[in-house]
Amino acid sequence: DRETTGRGVTLYLPDGRIPLHPPVLSEGA
């Protein structure tokens, strides 16, 4: 909760993304 609050949004770049949530969650469960 604290770390997602520090990020706010997922950042998208051409060579990858900086996710709001860890990929195990955002691209998985």
PDB file of all heavy atoms in Angstrom:
ATOM      1  N   ASP A   1       0.837  -1.202   0.000  1.00  0.00           N
ATOM      2  CA  ASP A   1       0.000   0.000   0.000  1.00  0.00           C
ATOM      3  C   ASP A   1       0.868   1.246   0.000  1.00  0.00           C
ATOM      4  O   ASP A   1       0.653   2.180  -0.795  1.00  0.00           O
ATOM      5  CB  ASP A   1      -0.911  -0.032   1.225  1.00  0.00           C
ATOM      6  CG  ASP A   1      -1.947   1.083   1.227  1.00  0.00           C
ATOM      7  OD1 ASP A   1      -2.153   1.707   0.175  1.00  0.00           O
ATOM      8  OD2 ASP A   1      -2.544   1.331   2.277  1.00  0.00           O
ATOM      9  N   ARG A   2       1.865   1.292   0.857  1.00  0.00           N
ATOM     10  CA  ARG A   2       2.737   2.473   0.927  1.00  0.00           C
ATOM     11  C   ARG A   2       3.509   2.676  -0.374  1.00  0.00           C
ATOM     12  O   ARG A   2       3.644   3.814  -0.853  1.00  0.00           O
ATOM     13  CB  ARG A   2       3.713   2.331   2.088  1.00  0.00           C
ATOM     14  CG  ARG A   2       3.066   2.373   3.471  1.00  0.00           C
ATOM     15  CD  ARG A   2       4.109   2.505   4.562  1.00  0.00           C
ATOM     16  NE  ARG A   2       5.029   1.374   4.585  1.00  0.00           N
ATOM     17  CZ  ARG A   2       4.828   0.249   5.264  1.00  0.00           C
ATOM     18  NH1 ARG A   2       3.714   0.096   5.966  1.00  0.00           N
ATOM     19  NH2 ARG A   2       5.714  -0.733   5.249  1.00  0.00           N
ATOM     20  N   GLU A   3       3.998   1.599  -0.961  1.00  0.00           N
ATOM     21  CA  GLU A   3       4.832   1.743  -2.157  1.00  0.00           C
ATOM     22  C   GLU A   3       4.006   2.090  -3.394  1.00  0.00           C
ATOM     23  O   GLU A   3       4.467   2.844  -4.259  1.00  0.00           O
ATOM     24  CB  GLU A   3       5.662   0.478  -2.357  1.00  0.00           C
ATOM     25  CG  GLU A   3       6.696   0.305  -1.242  1.00  0.00           C
ATOM     26  CD  GLU A   3       7.588  -0.905  -1.410  1.00  0.00           C
ATOM     27  OE1 GLU A   3       7.897  -1.250  -2.572  1.00  0.00           O
ATOM     28  OE2 GLU A   3       7.978  -1.504  -0.389  1.00  0.00           O
ATOM     29  N   THR A   4       2.788   1.589  -3.496  1.00  0.00           N
ATOM     30  CA  THR A   4       1.947   1.996  -4.626  1.00  0.00           C
ATOM     31  C   THR A   4       1.525   3.458  -4.485  1.00  0.00           C
ATOM     32  O   THR A   4       1.393   4.170  -5.491  1.00  0.00           O
ATOM     33  CB  THR A   4       0.705   1.101  -4.743  1.00  0.00           C
ATOM     34  OG1 THR A   4      -0.002   1.098  -3.497  1.00  0.00           O
ATOM     35  CG2 THR A   4       1.092  -0.319  -5.114  1.00  0.00           C
ATOM     36  N   THR A   5       1.329   3.909  -3.258  1.00  0.00           N
ATOM     37  CA  THR A   5       0.998   5.324  -3.050  1.00  0.00           C
ATOM     38  C   THR A   5       2.142   6.210  -3.518  1.00  0.00           C
ATOM     39  O   THR A   5       1.919   7.305  -4.058  1.00  0.00           O
ATOM     40  CB  THR A   5       0.688   5.587  -1.566  1.00  0.00           C
ATOM     41  OG1 THR A   5      -0.434   4.792  -1.174  1.00  0.00           O
ATOM     42  CG2 THR A   5       0.371   7.053  -1.322  1.00  0.00           C
ATOM     43  N   GLY A   6       3.366   5.760  -3.365  1.00  0.00           N
ATOM     44  CA  GLY A   6       4.508   6.528  -3.843  1.00  0.00           C
ATOM     45  C   GLY A   6       4.630   6.543  -5.353  1.00  0.00           C
ATOM     46  O   GLY A   6       5.288   7.428  -5.906  1.00  0.00           O
ATOM     47  N   ARG A   7       4.006   5.604  -6.034  1.00  0.00           N
ATOM     48  CA  ARG A   7       4.088   5.523  -7.496  1.00  0.00           C
ATOM     49  C   ARG A   7       2.900   6.213  -8.174  1.00  0.00           C
ATOM     50  O   ARG A   7       3.094   6.954  -9.127  1.00  0.00           O
ATOM     51  CB  ARG A   7       4.159   4.055  -7.935  1.00  0.00           C
ATOM     52  CG  ARG A   7       5.455   3.377  -7.505  1.00  0.00           C
ATOM     53  CD  ARG A   7       5.452   1.881  -7.750  1.00  0.00           C
ATOM     54  NE  ARG A   7       6.708   1.298  -7.323  1.00  0.00           N
ATOM     55  CZ  ARG A   7       7.577   0.689  -8.133  1.00  0.00           C
ATOM     56  NH1 ARG A   7       7.305   0.556  -9.424  1.00  0.00           N
ATOM     57  NH2 ARG A   7       8.706   0.203  -7.661  1.00  0.00           N
ATOM     58  N   GLY A   8       1.700   5.913  -7.744  1.00  0.00           N
ATOM     59  CA  GLY A   8       0.518   6.598  -8.263  1.00  0.00           C
ATOM     60  C   GLY A   8      -0.048   6.027  -9.536  1.00  0.00           C
ATOM     61  O   GLY A   8      -1.250   5.796  -9.642  1.00  0.00           O
ATOM     62  N   VAL A   9       0.803   5.819 -10.550  1.00  0.00           N
ATOM     63  CA  VAL A   9       0.367   5.284 -11.835  1.00  0.00           C
ATOM     64  C   VAL A   9       1.465   4.394 -12.402  1.00  0.00           C
ATOM     65  O   VAL A   9       2.624   4.473 -11.988  1.00  0.00           O
ATOM     66  CB  VAL A   9       0.052   6.397 -12.868  1.00  0.00           C
ATOM     67  CG1 VAL A   9      -1.100   7.274 -12.415  1.00  0.00           C
ATOM     68  CG2 VAL A   9       1.292   7.231 -13.163  1.00  0.00           C
ATOM     69  N   THR A  10       1.082   3.553 -13.344  1.00  0.00           N
ATOM     70  CA  THR A  10       2.068   2.817 -14.127  1.00  0.00           C
ATOM     71  C   THR A  10       2.652   3.755 -15.178  1.00  0.00           C
ATOM     72  O   THR A  10       1.916   4.493 -15.841  1.00  0.00           O
ATOM     73  CB  THR A  10       1.418   1.605 -14.816  1.00  0.00           C
ATOM     74  OG1 THR A  10       1.024   0.656 -13.818  1.00  0.00           O
ATOM     75  CG2 THR A  10       2.381   0.928 -15.778  1.00  0.00           C
ATOM     76  N   LEU A  11       3.979   3.731 -15.319  1.00  0.00           N
ATOM     77  CA  LEU A  11       4.662   4.527 -16.336  1.00  0.00           C
ATOM     78  C   LEU A  11       5.012   3.614 -17.501  1.00  0.00           C
ATOM     79  O   LEU A  11       5.610   2.546 -17.302  1.00  0.00           O
ATOM     80  CB  LEU A  11       5.933   5.157 -15.762  1.00  0.00           C
ATOM     81  CG  LEU A  11       5.751   6.110 -14.582  1.00  0.00           C
ATOM     82  CD1 LEU A  11       7.114   6.542 -14.042  1.00  0.00           C
ATOM     83  CD2 LEU A  11       4.945   7.325 -14.989  1.00  0.00           C
ATOM     84  N   TYR A  12       4.662   4.025 -18.706  1.00  0.00           N
ATOM     85  CA  TYR A  12       4.924   3.223 -19.894  1.00  0.00           C
ATOM     86  C   TYR A  12       6.032   3.851 -20.722  1.00  0.00           C
ATOM     87  O   TYR A  12       5.958   5.021 -21.092  1.00  0.00           O
ATOM     88  CB  TYR A  12       3.650   3.079 -20.735  1.00  0.00           C
ATOM     89  CG  TYR A  12       2.586   2.252 -20.063  1.00  0.00           C
ATOM     90  CD1 TYR A  12       1.618   2.857 -19.265  1.00  0.00           C
ATOM     91  CD2 TYR A  12       2.554   0.874 -20.212  1.00  0.00           C
ATOM     92  CE1 TYR A  12       0.643   2.087 -18.627  1.00  0.00           C
ATOM     93  CE2 TYR A  12       1.581   0.102 -19.585  1.00  0.00           C
ATOM     94  CZ  TYR A  12       0.630   0.721 -18.798  1.00  0.00           C
ATOM     95  OH  TYR A  12      -0.324  -0.022 -18.175  1.00  0.00           O
ATOM     96  N   LEU A  13       7.075   3.078 -20.996  1.00  0.00           N
ATOM     97  CA  LEU A  13       8.159   3.492 -21.864  1.00  0.00           C
ATOM     98  C   LEU A  13       8.275   2.494 -23.004  1.00  0.00           C
ATOM     99  O   LEU A  13       7.811   1.344 -22.876  1.00  0.00           O
ATOM    100  CB  LEU A  13       9.487   3.579 -21.101  1.00  0.00           C
ATOM    101  CG  LEU A  13       9.643   4.792 -20.186  1.00  0.00           C
ATOM    102  CD1 LEU A  13       9.011   4.527 -18.827  1.00  0.00           C
ATOM    103  CD2 LEU A  13      11.116   5.153 -20.001  1.00  0.00           C
ATOM    104  N   PRO A  14       8.904   2.867 -24.128  1.00  0.00           N
ATOM    105  CA  PRO A  14       8.975   1.947 -25.258  1.00  0.00           C
ATOM    106  C   PRO A  14       9.680   0.634 -24.941  1.00  0.00           C
ATOM    107  O   PRO A  14       9.360  -0.399 -25.518  1.00  0.00           O
ATOM    108  CB  PRO A  14       9.750   2.754 -26.312  1.00  0.00           C
ATOM    109  CG  PRO A  14       9.512   4.176 -25.959  1.00  0.00           C
ATOM    110  CD  PRO A  14       9.450   4.196 -24.467  1.00  0.00           C
ATOM    111  N   ASP A  15      10.658   0.665 -24.032  1.00  0.00           N
ATOM    112  CA  ASP A  15      11.426  -0.543 -23.731  1.00  0.00           C
ATOM    113  C   ASP A  15      10.986  -1.220 -22.448  1.00  0.00           C
ATOM    114  O   ASP A  15      11.701  -2.060 -21.888  1.00  0.00           O
ATOM    115  CB  ASP A  15      12.918  -0.217 -23.655  1.00  0.00           C
ATOM    116  CG  ASP A  15      13.243   0.820 -22.590  1.00  0.00           C
ATOM    117  OD1 ASP A  15      12.297   1.431 -22.050  1.00  0.00           O
ATOM    118  OD2 ASP A  15      14.439   1.009 -22.305  1.00  0.00           O
ATOM    119  N   GLY A  16       9.813  -0.881 -21.939  1.00  0.00           N
ATOM    120  CA  GLY A  16       9.305  -1.529 -20.738  1.00  0.00           C
ATOM    121  C   GLY A  16       8.467  -0.580 -19.907  1.00  0.00           C
ATOM    122  O   GLY A  16       8.416   0.613 -20.174  1.00  0.00           O
ATOM    123  N   ARG A  17       7.851  -1.109 -18.880  1.00  0.00           N
ATOM    124  CA  ARG A  17       6.989  -0.297 -18.039  1.00  0.00           C
ATOM    125  C   ARG A  17       7.528  -0.253 -16.617  1.00  0.00           C
ATOM    126  O   ARG A  17       8.277  -1.136 -16.181  1.00  0.00           O
ATOM    127  CB  ARG A  17       5.570  -0.841 -18.044  1.00  0.00           C
ATOM    128  CG  ARG A  17       5.416  -2.185 -17.384  1.00  0.00           C
ATOM    129  CD  ARG A  17       4.066  -2.805 -17.673  1.00  0.00           C
ATOM    130  NE  ARG A  17       3.929  -3.144 -19.080  1.00  0.00           N
ATOM    131  CZ  ARG A  17       2.852  -3.669 -19.617  1.00  0.00           C
ATOM    132  NH1 ARG A  17       1.793  -3.901 -18.882  1.00  0.00           N
ATOM    133  NH2 ARG A  17       2.799  -3.952 -20.899  1.00  0.00           N
ATOM    134  N   ILE A  18       7.136   0.778 -15.894  1.00  0.00           N
ATOM    135  CA  ILE A  18       7.439   0.900 -14.475  1.00  0.00           C
ATOM    136  C   ILE A  18       6.089   0.755 -13.780  1.00  0.00           C
ATOM    137  O   ILE A  18       5.306   1.706 -13.717  1.00  0.00           O
ATOM    138  CB  ILE A  18       8.097   2.252 -14.155  1.00  0.00           C
ATOM    139  CG1 ILE A  18       9.363   2.420 -15.004  1.00  0.00           C
ATOM    140  CG2 ILE A  18       8.439   2.352 -12.668  1.00  0.00           C
ATOM    141  CD1 ILE A  18       9.953   3.816 -14.950  1.00  0.00           C
ATOM    142  N   PRO A  19       5.775  -0.429 -13.290  1.00  0.00           N
ATOM    143  CA  PRO A  19       4.400  -0.723 -12.884  1.00  0.00           C
ATOM    144  C   PRO A  19       4.011  -0.097 -11.555  1.00  0.00           C
ATOM    145  O   PRO A  19       4.846   0.117 -10.671  1.00  0.00           O
ATOM    146  CB  PRO A  19       4.388  -2.244 -12.806  1.00  0.00           C
ATOM    147  CG  PRO A  19       5.790  -2.603 -12.426  1.00  0.00           C
ATOM    148  CD  PRO A  19       6.662  -1.591 -13.138  1.00  0.00           C
ATOM    149  N   LEU A  20       2.722   0.154 -11.424  1.00  0.00           N
ATOM    150  CA  LEU A  20       2.168   0.601 -10.150  1.00  0.00           C
ATOM    151  C   LEU A  20       2.207  -0.532  -9.131  1.00  0.00           C
ATOM    152  O   LEU A  20       2.476  -0.308  -7.950  1.00  0.00           O
ATOM    153  CB  LEU A  20       0.728   1.080 -10.357  1.00  0.00           C
ATOM    154  CG  LEU A  20      -0.095   1.440  -9.117  1.00  0.00           C
ATOM    155  CD1 LEU A  20       0.562   2.578  -8.341  1.00  0.00           C
ATOM    156  CD2 LEU A  20      -1.514   1.820  -9.514  1.00  0.00           C
ATOM    157  N   HIS A  21       1.945  -1.757  -9.593  1.00  0.00           N
ATOM    158  CA  HIS A  21       1.963  -2.936  -8.731  1.00  0.00           C
ATOM    159  C   HIS A  21       2.992  -3.940  -9.264  1.00  0.00           C
ATOM    160  O   HIS A  21       3.254  -3.971 -10.467  1.00  0.00           O
ATOM    161  CB  HIS A  21       0.581  -3.613  -8.699  1.00  0.00           C
ATOM    162  CG  HIS A  21      -0.504  -2.749  -8.168  1.00  0.00           C
ATOM    163  ND1 HIS A  21      -1.287  -1.957  -8.986  1.00  0.00           N
ATOM    164  CD2 HIS A  21      -0.951  -2.543  -6.900  1.00  0.00           C
ATOM    165  CE1 HIS A  21      -2.171  -1.308  -8.244  1.00  0.00           C
ATOM    166  NE2 HIS A  21      -1.989  -1.627  -6.976  1.00  0.00           N
ATOM    167  N   PRO A  22       3.557  -4.771  -8.419  1.00  0.00           N
ATOM    168  CA  PRO A  22       4.499  -5.786  -8.901  1.00  0.00           C
ATOM    169  C   PRO A  22       3.864  -6.660  -9.980  1.00  0.00           C
ATOM    170  O   PRO A  22       2.666  -6.983  -9.904  1.00  0.00           O
ATOM    171  CB  PRO A  22       4.804  -6.603  -7.637  1.00  0.00           C
ATOM    172  CG  PRO A  22       4.541  -5.670  -6.500  1.00  0.00           C
ATOM    173  CD  PRO A  22       3.380  -4.820  -6.949  1.00  0.00           C
ATOM    174  N   PRO A  23       4.625  -7.054 -10.997  1.00  0.00           N
ATOM    175  CA  PRO A  23       4.064  -7.866 -12.082  1.00  0.00           C
ATOM    176  C   PRO A  23       3.410  -9.163 -11.616  1.00  0.00           C
ATOM    177  O   PRO A  23       2.468  -9.630 -12.253  1.00  0.00           O
ATOM    178  CB  PRO A  23       5.286  -8.154 -12.968  1.00  0.00           C
ATOM    179  CG  PRO A  23       6.175  -6.957 -12.745  1.00  0.00           C
ATOM    180  CD  PRO A  23       6.006  -6.610 -11.296  1.00  0.00           C
ATOM    181  N   VAL A  24       3.887  -9.747 -10.509  1.00  0.00           N
ATOM    182  CA  VAL A  24       3.247 -10.964 -10.010  1.00  0.00           C
ATOM    183  C   VAL A  24       1.772 -10.720  -9.709  1.00  0.00           C
ATOM    184  O   VAL A  24       0.947 -11.638  -9.787  1.00  0.00           O
ATOM    185  CB  VAL A  24       3.987 -11.489  -8.748  1.00  0.00           C
ATOM    186  CG1 VAL A  24       3.805 -10.534  -7.568  1.00  0.00           C
ATOM    187  CG2 VAL A  24       3.522 -12.888  -8.393  1.00  0.00           C
ATOM    188  N   LEU A  25       1.440  -9.471  -9.442  1.00  0.00           N
ATOM    189  CA  LEU A  25       0.053  -9.086  -9.176  1.00  0.00           C
ATOM    190  C   LEU A  25      -0.600  -8.494 -10.413  1.00  0.00           C
ATOM    191  O   LEU A  25      -1.643  -8.964 -10.872  1.00  0.00           O
ATOM    192  CB  LEU A  25       0.012  -8.081  -8.029  1.00  0.00           C
ATOM    193  CG  LEU A  25      -1.357  -7.573  -7.562  1.00  0.00           C
ATOM    194  CD1 LEU A  25      -2.192  -8.726  -7.060  1.00  0.00           C
ATOM    195  CD2 LEU A  25      -1.176  -6.524  -6.477  1.00  0.00           C
ATOM    196  N   SER A  26       0.044  -7.452 -10.991  1.00  0.00           N
ATOM    197  CA  SER A  26      -0.585  -6.706 -12.082  1.00  0.00           C
ATOM    198  C   SER A  26      -0.646  -7.494 -13.381  1.00  0.00           C
ATOM    199  O   SER A  26      -1.526  -7.252 -14.215  1.00  0.00           O
ATOM    200  CB  SER A  26       0.169  -5.392 -12.326  1.00  0.00           C
ATOM    201  OG  SER A  26       1.509  -5.630 -12.683  1.00  0.00           O
ATOM    202  N   GLU A  27       0.270  -8.441 -13.581  1.00  0.00           N
ATOM    203  CA  GLU A  27       0.255  -9.259 -14.790  1.00  0.00           C
ATOM    204  C   GLU A  27      -0.025 -10.717 -14.462  1.00  0.00           C
ATOM    205  O   GLU A  27       0.105 -11.584 -15.323  1.00  0.00           O
ATOM    206  CB  GLU A  27       1.590  -9.131 -15.520  1.00  0.00           C
ATOM    207  CG  GLU A  27       1.908  -7.698 -15.950  1.00  0.00           C
ATOM    208  CD  GLU A  27       3.244  -7.565 -16.643  1.00  0.00           C
ATOM    209  OE1 GLU A  27       3.748  -8.590 -17.157  1.00  0.00           O
ATOM    210  OE2 GLU A  27       3.784  -6.452 -16.705  1.00  0.00           O
ATOM    211  N   GLY A  28      -0.375 -10.958 -13.197  1.00  0.00           N
ATOM    212  CA  GLY A  28      -0.616 -12.325 -12.758  1.00  0.00           C
ATOM    213  C   GLY A  28      -1.904 -12.470 -11.988  1.00  0.00           C
ATOM    214  O   GLY A  28      -2.998 -12.471 -12.556  1.00  0.00           O
ATOM    215  N   ALA A  29      -1.807 -12.548 -10.670  1.00  0.00           N
ATOM    216  CA  ALA A  29      -2.936 -12.965  -9.838  1.00  0.00           C
ATOM    217  C   ALA A  29      -4.146 -12.050  -9.908  1.00  0.00           C
ATOM    218  O   ALA A  29      -5.279 -12.501  -9.724  1.00  0.00           O
ATOM    219  CB  ALA A  29      -2.472 -13.099  -8.386  1.00  0.00           C
TER     220      ALA A  29
END
